[in-house]
Amino acid sequence: MLRIVVSGAYGRMGREVMKAVWKSEDMELVGAVDSAGAGIDAGTLFEAGEIGVLLENNLAEALQRWRPDVAVDFTTPHAVYQNTITCLKCGVRPVVGTTGMDAGQIQEIIDLSEKAGLGGLIAPNFAIGAVLMIKFAAEAARHMPHVEIIELHHDQKIDAPSGTSIKTAEAISEQRGDFQQGLANEVEKITGARGGEFGGGIRIHSVRLPGLVAHQEVIFGGLGQTLTIRHDSFNRESFMPGVLVGVRKAMHLERVVYGLEKLLFD
C-alpha cells in the first residue's frame, strides 16, 4: 500500500487527487497539506465524509510525521519549487503537477533527486490525451514546421503561457532544429497581439476565460493546407489516470523525470 500526502489539498486539483487516491486499492491517503483550511477533515472536501486526515499547513512537518512514499503537489507557481526541494530533503518522492518552474529549477530538482536516489515526476499535464497531442505535434513538425500554439484555461490560472504549451513548443523545436519562422519586419499594432515568442519564432497565445478547464490547439500551416491538433480536458477528473500512473511509477525510478511521456513511451 503506497502512502500518499497531497500538497495543495484545499484546491480543486488537490481535492480531485485526494478522491482518486482514496478510491485506489493500492494507495492510502495519510496526509493533506495546504496554506488554507488547517484543521478541516480532508474527507469533507471530496464528499467522503470524515476520514480522520486533517489538513495541515506545514509541509515539512507533515512529511516527517507521516513518512509517505509519495507527495503529490498541486499548489502554486510561487510555492512549488521549494515544496519539491522539501520533499526530496525529507526522502519523499515528489509527483508534481504545478506549473511555473523554469528550466534551471527543474534541472536542479532532477540533479538533487539523482544524488538522493529518489524517483519522481514533474508533469505540465497529466491528461494522457494531452501527452499524445504533444507527441503527435512533434511528429507533424518534421513535415510542417510552421506552427503556432493556442492554449486556453480557466480564468483562475496564474501563470501564462501554460506548462503544456511550453512543453509542446520544446518538443516541436527538437524536431525542427534551427528552423526560423515569422516575418522579421512584422509590426504589432497592439503590444502582445502576436502572443509570446518561443525559440524559432513559435508563437504561443494564452486565453483565460470562465467556463474553460484546460484546452490546447497546435496549428500547423503549409502550402495550401493547415493541420490542427487539439486536446480538451472538460473536468479535472481527466488528469487523475495520469496522476496515478505517475505515483506508481515514481516508486521504480531513481531520479525525477520531466514529462509524463517519459513514463508512457520510453
Protein backbone atom coordinates (compact mmCIF):
# COMPACT_ATOMS: atom_id res chain seq x y z
CA MET A 1 0.00 0.00 0.00
CA LEU A 2 1.53 3.32 -1.11
CA ARG A 3 1.37 6.10 1.47
CA ILE A 4 0.41 9.44 -0.10
CA VAL A 5 0.45 13.06 1.07
CA VAL A 6 -1.33 15.66 -1.08
CA SER A 7 0.04 19.21 -1.05
CA GLY A 8 -2.44 21.82 -2.20
CA ALA A 9 -5.23 19.67 -0.78
CA TYR A 10 -7.72 22.52 -0.33
CA GLY A 11 -7.63 23.48 -4.04
CA ARG A 12 -9.74 21.98 -6.80
CA MET A 13 -6.99 19.77 -8.19
CA GLY A 14 -5.91 18.73 -4.70
CA ARG A 15 -9.44 17.60 -3.86
CA GLU A 16 -9.62 15.56 -7.05
CA VAL A 17 -6.27 13.92 -6.30
CA MET A 18 -7.36 13.03 -2.76
CA LYS A 19 -10.54 11.45 -4.11
CA ALA A 20 -8.58 9.42 -6.68
CA VAL A 21 -6.10 8.24 -4.04
CA TRP A 22 -8.93 7.40 -1.62
CA LYS A 23 -10.65 5.25 -4.25
CA SER A 24 -7.44 3.50 -5.30
CA GLU A 25 -6.97 0.00 -3.92
CA ASP A 26 -3.17 0.27 -3.70
CA MET A 27 -2.86 3.72 -2.10
CA GLU A 28 -3.54 5.25 1.30
CA LEU A 29 -4.12 8.97 1.89
CA VAL A 30 -2.08 9.64 5.04
CA GLY A 31 -1.73 13.42 4.94
CA ALA A 32 -3.13 16.62 3.40
CA VAL A 33 -1.36 19.98 3.36
CA ASP A 34 -2.48 23.45 2.33
CA SER A 35 -1.99 27.04 3.43
CA ALA A 36 -5.78 27.24 3.78
CA GLY A 37 -8.23 25.07 5.71
CA ALA A 38 -5.98 23.84 8.51
CA GLY A 39 -7.89 21.50 10.84
CA ILE A 40 -10.57 20.57 8.30
CA ASP A 41 -11.07 16.84 7.75
CA ALA A 42 -9.82 16.16 4.22
CA GLY A 43 -12.65 13.73 3.50
CA THR A 44 -15.22 16.50 3.70
CA LEU A 45 -13.51 18.22 0.74
CA PHE A 46 -14.23 15.36 -1.66
CA GLU A 47 -17.55 14.16 -0.24
CA ALA A 48 -16.18 11.10 1.57
CA GLY A 49 -17.22 12.31 4.99
CA GLU A 50 -14.78 12.42 7.86
CA ILE A 51 -11.81 10.10 7.29
CA GLY A 52 -9.52 11.21 10.12
CA VAL A 53 -6.99 13.01 7.91
CA LEU A 54 -6.84 16.68 8.93
CA LEU A 55 -5.41 19.45 6.77
CA GLU A 56 -2.06 20.85 7.96
CA ASN A 57 -0.21 23.96 6.83
CA ASN A 58 3.43 22.86 7.23
CA LEU A 59 4.66 20.51 4.52
CA ALA A 60 7.99 19.56 6.12
CA GLU A 61 6.33 18.65 9.42
CA ALA A 62 3.65 16.59 7.66
CA LEU A 63 6.24 14.66 5.65
CA GLN A 64 8.33 13.95 8.74
CA ARG A 65 5.28 12.89 10.72
CA TRP A 66 3.56 10.65 8.18
CA ARG A 67 6.61 9.45 6.22
CA PRO A 68 4.77 8.96 2.92
CA ASP A 69 6.17 7.20 -0.13
CA VAL A 70 4.99 9.96 -2.47
CA ALA A 71 3.87 13.57 -2.12
CA VAL A 72 1.62 14.91 -4.89
CA ASP A 73 1.90 18.67 -5.41
CA PHE A 74 -0.82 20.84 -6.95
CA THR A 75 -0.10 24.17 -5.25
CA THR A 76 1.02 27.45 -6.85
CA PRO A 77 3.89 28.56 -9.10
CA HIS A 78 5.32 30.52 -6.15
CA ALA A 79 5.42 27.53 -3.80
CA VAL A 80 6.10 24.50 -5.98
CA TYR A 81 9.89 24.76 -6.28
CA GLN A 82 10.51 24.93 -2.54
CA ASN A 83 7.88 22.27 -1.90
CA THR A 84 9.63 19.87 -4.25
CA ILE A 85 13.03 20.55 -2.66
CA THR A 86 11.44 19.93 0.76
CA CYS A 87 10.09 16.56 -0.42
CA LEU A 88 13.50 15.42 -1.60
CA LYS A 89 15.23 16.59 1.57
CA CYS A 90 12.68 14.59 3.57
CA GLY A 91 13.29 11.48 1.50
CA VAL A 92 9.88 11.60 -0.20
CA ARG A 93 9.29 11.08 -3.93
CA PRO A 94 7.58 14.13 -5.50
CA VAL A 95 4.91 13.93 -8.18
CA VAL A 96 4.35 17.49 -9.31
CA GLY A 97 1.54 18.87 -11.46
CA THR A 98 2.03 22.53 -10.52
CA THR A 99 3.48 24.58 -13.38
CA GLY A 100 5.62 27.69 -13.19
CA MET A 101 9.13 26.36 -12.52
CA ASP A 102 11.80 27.41 -15.01
CA ALA A 103 14.23 25.06 -16.75
CA GLY A 104 17.00 25.79 -14.26
CA GLN A 105 14.82 24.92 -11.27
CA ILE A 106 13.62 21.70 -12.91
CA GLN A 107 17.20 20.66 -13.66
CA GLU A 108 18.28 21.42 -10.10
CA ILE A 109 15.49 19.18 -8.80
CA ILE A 110 16.48 16.39 -11.18
CA ASP A 111 20.12 16.64 -10.08
CA LEU A 112 19.20 16.65 -6.38
CA SER A 113 16.89 13.66 -6.81
CA GLU A 114 19.59 11.71 -8.64
CA LYS A 115 22.03 12.29 -5.79
CA ALA A 116 19.39 11.13 -3.31
CA GLY A 117 18.34 8.16 -5.46
CA LEU A 118 14.71 9.25 -5.31
CA GLY A 119 12.34 8.88 -8.23
CA GLY A 120 9.59 11.32 -9.04
CA LEU A 121 7.79 13.17 -11.80
CA ILE A 122 7.24 16.77 -12.90
CA ALA A 123 4.47 16.88 -15.49
CA PRO A 124 2.97 20.02 -17.07
CA ASN A 125 -0.12 17.98 -17.92
CA PHE A 126 -1.34 14.65 -16.53
CA ALA A 127 -4.07 14.12 -19.14
CA ILE A 128 -2.94 11.20 -21.27
CA GLY A 129 -4.66 12.75 -24.29
CA ALA A 130 -2.59 15.91 -23.84
CA VAL A 131 0.62 13.87 -23.77
CA LEU A 132 -0.45 12.21 -27.01
CA MET A 133 -1.18 15.64 -28.51
CA ILE A 134 2.40 16.72 -27.79
CA LYS A 135 3.76 13.51 -29.31
CA PHE A 136 1.64 13.92 -32.46
CA ALA A 137 2.61 17.61 -32.75
CA ALA A 138 6.31 16.77 -32.60
CA GLU A 139 5.85 14.26 -35.41
CA ALA A 140 3.86 16.74 -37.52
CA ALA A 141 6.58 19.40 -37.11
CA ARG A 142 9.01 17.23 -39.06
CA HIS A 143 6.82 17.72 -42.14
CA MET A 144 5.06 21.05 -41.43
CA PRO A 145 7.45 23.26 -39.43
CA HIS A 146 5.34 26.45 -39.46
CA VAL A 147 3.29 26.31 -36.27
CA GLU A 148 1.53 28.37 -33.62
CA ILE A 149 0.02 27.25 -30.30
CA ILE A 150 -3.17 28.46 -28.65
CA GLU A 151 -3.71 27.36 -25.04
CA LEU A 152 -6.96 28.05 -23.20
CA HIS A 153 -7.54 27.76 -19.45
CA HIS A 154 -9.91 28.86 -16.70
CA ASP A 155 -9.56 32.45 -15.54
CA GLN A 156 -8.07 31.49 -12.15
CA LYS A 157 -4.87 30.07 -13.67
CA ILE A 158 -2.00 32.26 -12.51
CA ASP A 159 0.82 31.51 -14.96
CA ALA A 160 0.91 32.07 -18.70
CA PRO A 161 1.71 30.51 -21.03
CA SER A 162 0.80 27.10 -19.68
CA GLY A 163 3.39 24.46 -18.93
CA THR A 164 1.75 22.24 -21.53
CA SER A 165 2.23 24.82 -24.29
CA ILE A 166 5.88 25.28 -23.35
CA LYS A 167 6.41 21.50 -23.33
CA THR A 168 4.74 21.34 -26.75
CA ALA A 169 6.99 24.07 -28.13
CA GLU A 170 10.05 22.30 -26.73
CA ALA A 171 9.05 19.02 -28.39
CA ILE A 172 8.41 20.77 -31.71
CA SER A 173 11.73 22.63 -31.53
CA GLU A 174 13.62 19.38 -31.06
CA GLN A 175 12.21 18.17 -34.38
CA ARG A 176 12.61 21.47 -36.31
CA GLY A 177 16.25 22.09 -35.38
CA ASP A 178 17.40 25.56 -36.46
CA PHE A 179 14.23 26.36 -38.43
CA GLN A 180 13.10 30.00 -38.02
CA GLN A 181 9.58 31.14 -38.88
CA GLY A 182 7.89 34.55 -38.99
CA LEU A 183 8.43 37.91 -40.66
CA ALA A 184 11.46 39.86 -39.47
CA ASN A 185 9.70 43.18 -40.13
CA GLU A 186 6.36 42.23 -38.51
CA VAL A 187 4.63 45.12 -36.67
CA GLU A 188 2.29 44.70 -33.69
CA LYS A 189 -0.30 47.48 -33.54
CA ILE A 190 -1.20 46.34 -30.03
CA THR A 191 1.64 45.01 -27.87
CA GLY A 192 1.31 41.26 -27.42
CA ALA A 193 -1.15 40.80 -30.28
CA ARG A 194 1.02 38.07 -31.79
CA GLY A 195 1.43 36.22 -28.50
CA GLY A 196 4.61 35.24 -26.71
CA GLU A 197 7.56 34.16 -28.83
CA PHE A 198 9.28 30.87 -28.13
CA GLY A 199 12.55 29.91 -29.82
CA GLY A 200 12.49 29.67 -33.61
CA GLY A 201 9.59 32.09 -33.89
CA ILE A 202 6.93 29.74 -32.48
CA ARG A 203 4.12 31.93 -31.12
CA ILE A 204 2.14 30.87 -28.04
CA HIS A 205 -1.23 32.53 -27.38
CA SER A 206 -2.89 32.29 -23.94
CA VAL A 207 -6.65 32.58 -23.39
CA ARG A 208 -8.14 32.87 -19.88
CA LEU A 209 -11.93 32.69 -19.51
CA PRO A 210 -14.51 31.34 -17.08
CA GLY A 211 -16.10 28.14 -18.33
CA LEU A 212 -12.82 26.69 -19.58
CA VAL A 213 -10.76 23.99 -17.84
CA ALA A 214 -7.67 23.11 -19.92
CA HIS A 215 -7.51 23.11 -23.72
CA GLN A 216 -4.88 23.49 -26.43
CA GLU A 217 -4.67 23.77 -30.21
CA VAL A 218 -1.47 23.27 -32.18
CA ILE A 219 -1.97 24.75 -35.65
CA PHE A 220 0.41 23.89 -38.50
CA GLY A 221 0.44 25.76 -41.81
CA GLY A 222 1.75 24.59 -45.18
CA LEU A 223 1.29 25.24 -48.86
CA GLY A 224 -2.48 25.35 -49.40
CA GLN A 225 -3.29 23.50 -46.16
CA THR A 226 -3.42 23.60 -42.39
CA LEU A 227 -3.40 20.90 -39.73
CA THR A 228 -4.89 21.36 -36.25
CA ILE A 229 -4.19 19.03 -33.35
CA ARG A 230 -6.42 19.78 -30.34
CA HIS A 231 -6.92 18.39 -26.88
CA ASP A 232 -9.67 19.30 -24.39
CA SER A 233 -9.99 18.50 -20.70
CA PHE A 234 -13.56 19.17 -19.67
CA ASN A 235 -13.09 18.36 -16.00
CA ARG A 236 -10.26 17.75 -13.53
CA GLU A 237 -11.07 14.07 -13.32
CA SER A 238 -9.40 13.75 -16.75
CA PHE A 239 -5.99 14.23 -15.12
CA MET A 240 -6.35 11.50 -12.49
CA PRO A 241 -5.34 8.39 -14.50
CA GLY A 242 -2.07 10.14 -15.33
CA VAL A 243 -1.51 11.22 -11.72
CA LEU A 244 -1.95 7.65 -10.50
CA VAL A 245 0.42 6.34 -13.20
CA GLY A 246 2.98 8.91 -12.04
CA VAL A 247 2.61 7.92 -8.39
CA ARG A 248 3.01 4.22 -9.09
CA LYS A 249 5.93 4.54 -11.50
CA ALA A 250 7.79 7.05 -9.32
CA MET A 251 8.45 4.18 -6.93
CA HIS A 252 10.58 2.46 -9.57
CA LEU A 253 12.63 5.49 -10.66
CA GLU A 254 15.97 6.61 -9.29
CA ARG A 255 15.56 10.27 -10.22
CA VAL A 256 12.85 12.78 -11.05
CA VAL A 257 11.82 12.86 -14.71
CA TYR A 258 10.19 15.75 -16.60
CA GLY A 259 7.09 14.88 -18.60
CA LEU A 260 4.53 12.09 -18.29
CA GLU A 261 5.57 10.87 -21.73
CA LYS A 262 8.83 9.64 -20.20
CA LEU A 263 6.77 7.08 -18.29
CA LEU A 264 4.31 6.24 -21.06
CA PHE A 265 6.53 5.94 -24.13
CA ASP A 266 10.18 5.48 -23.07
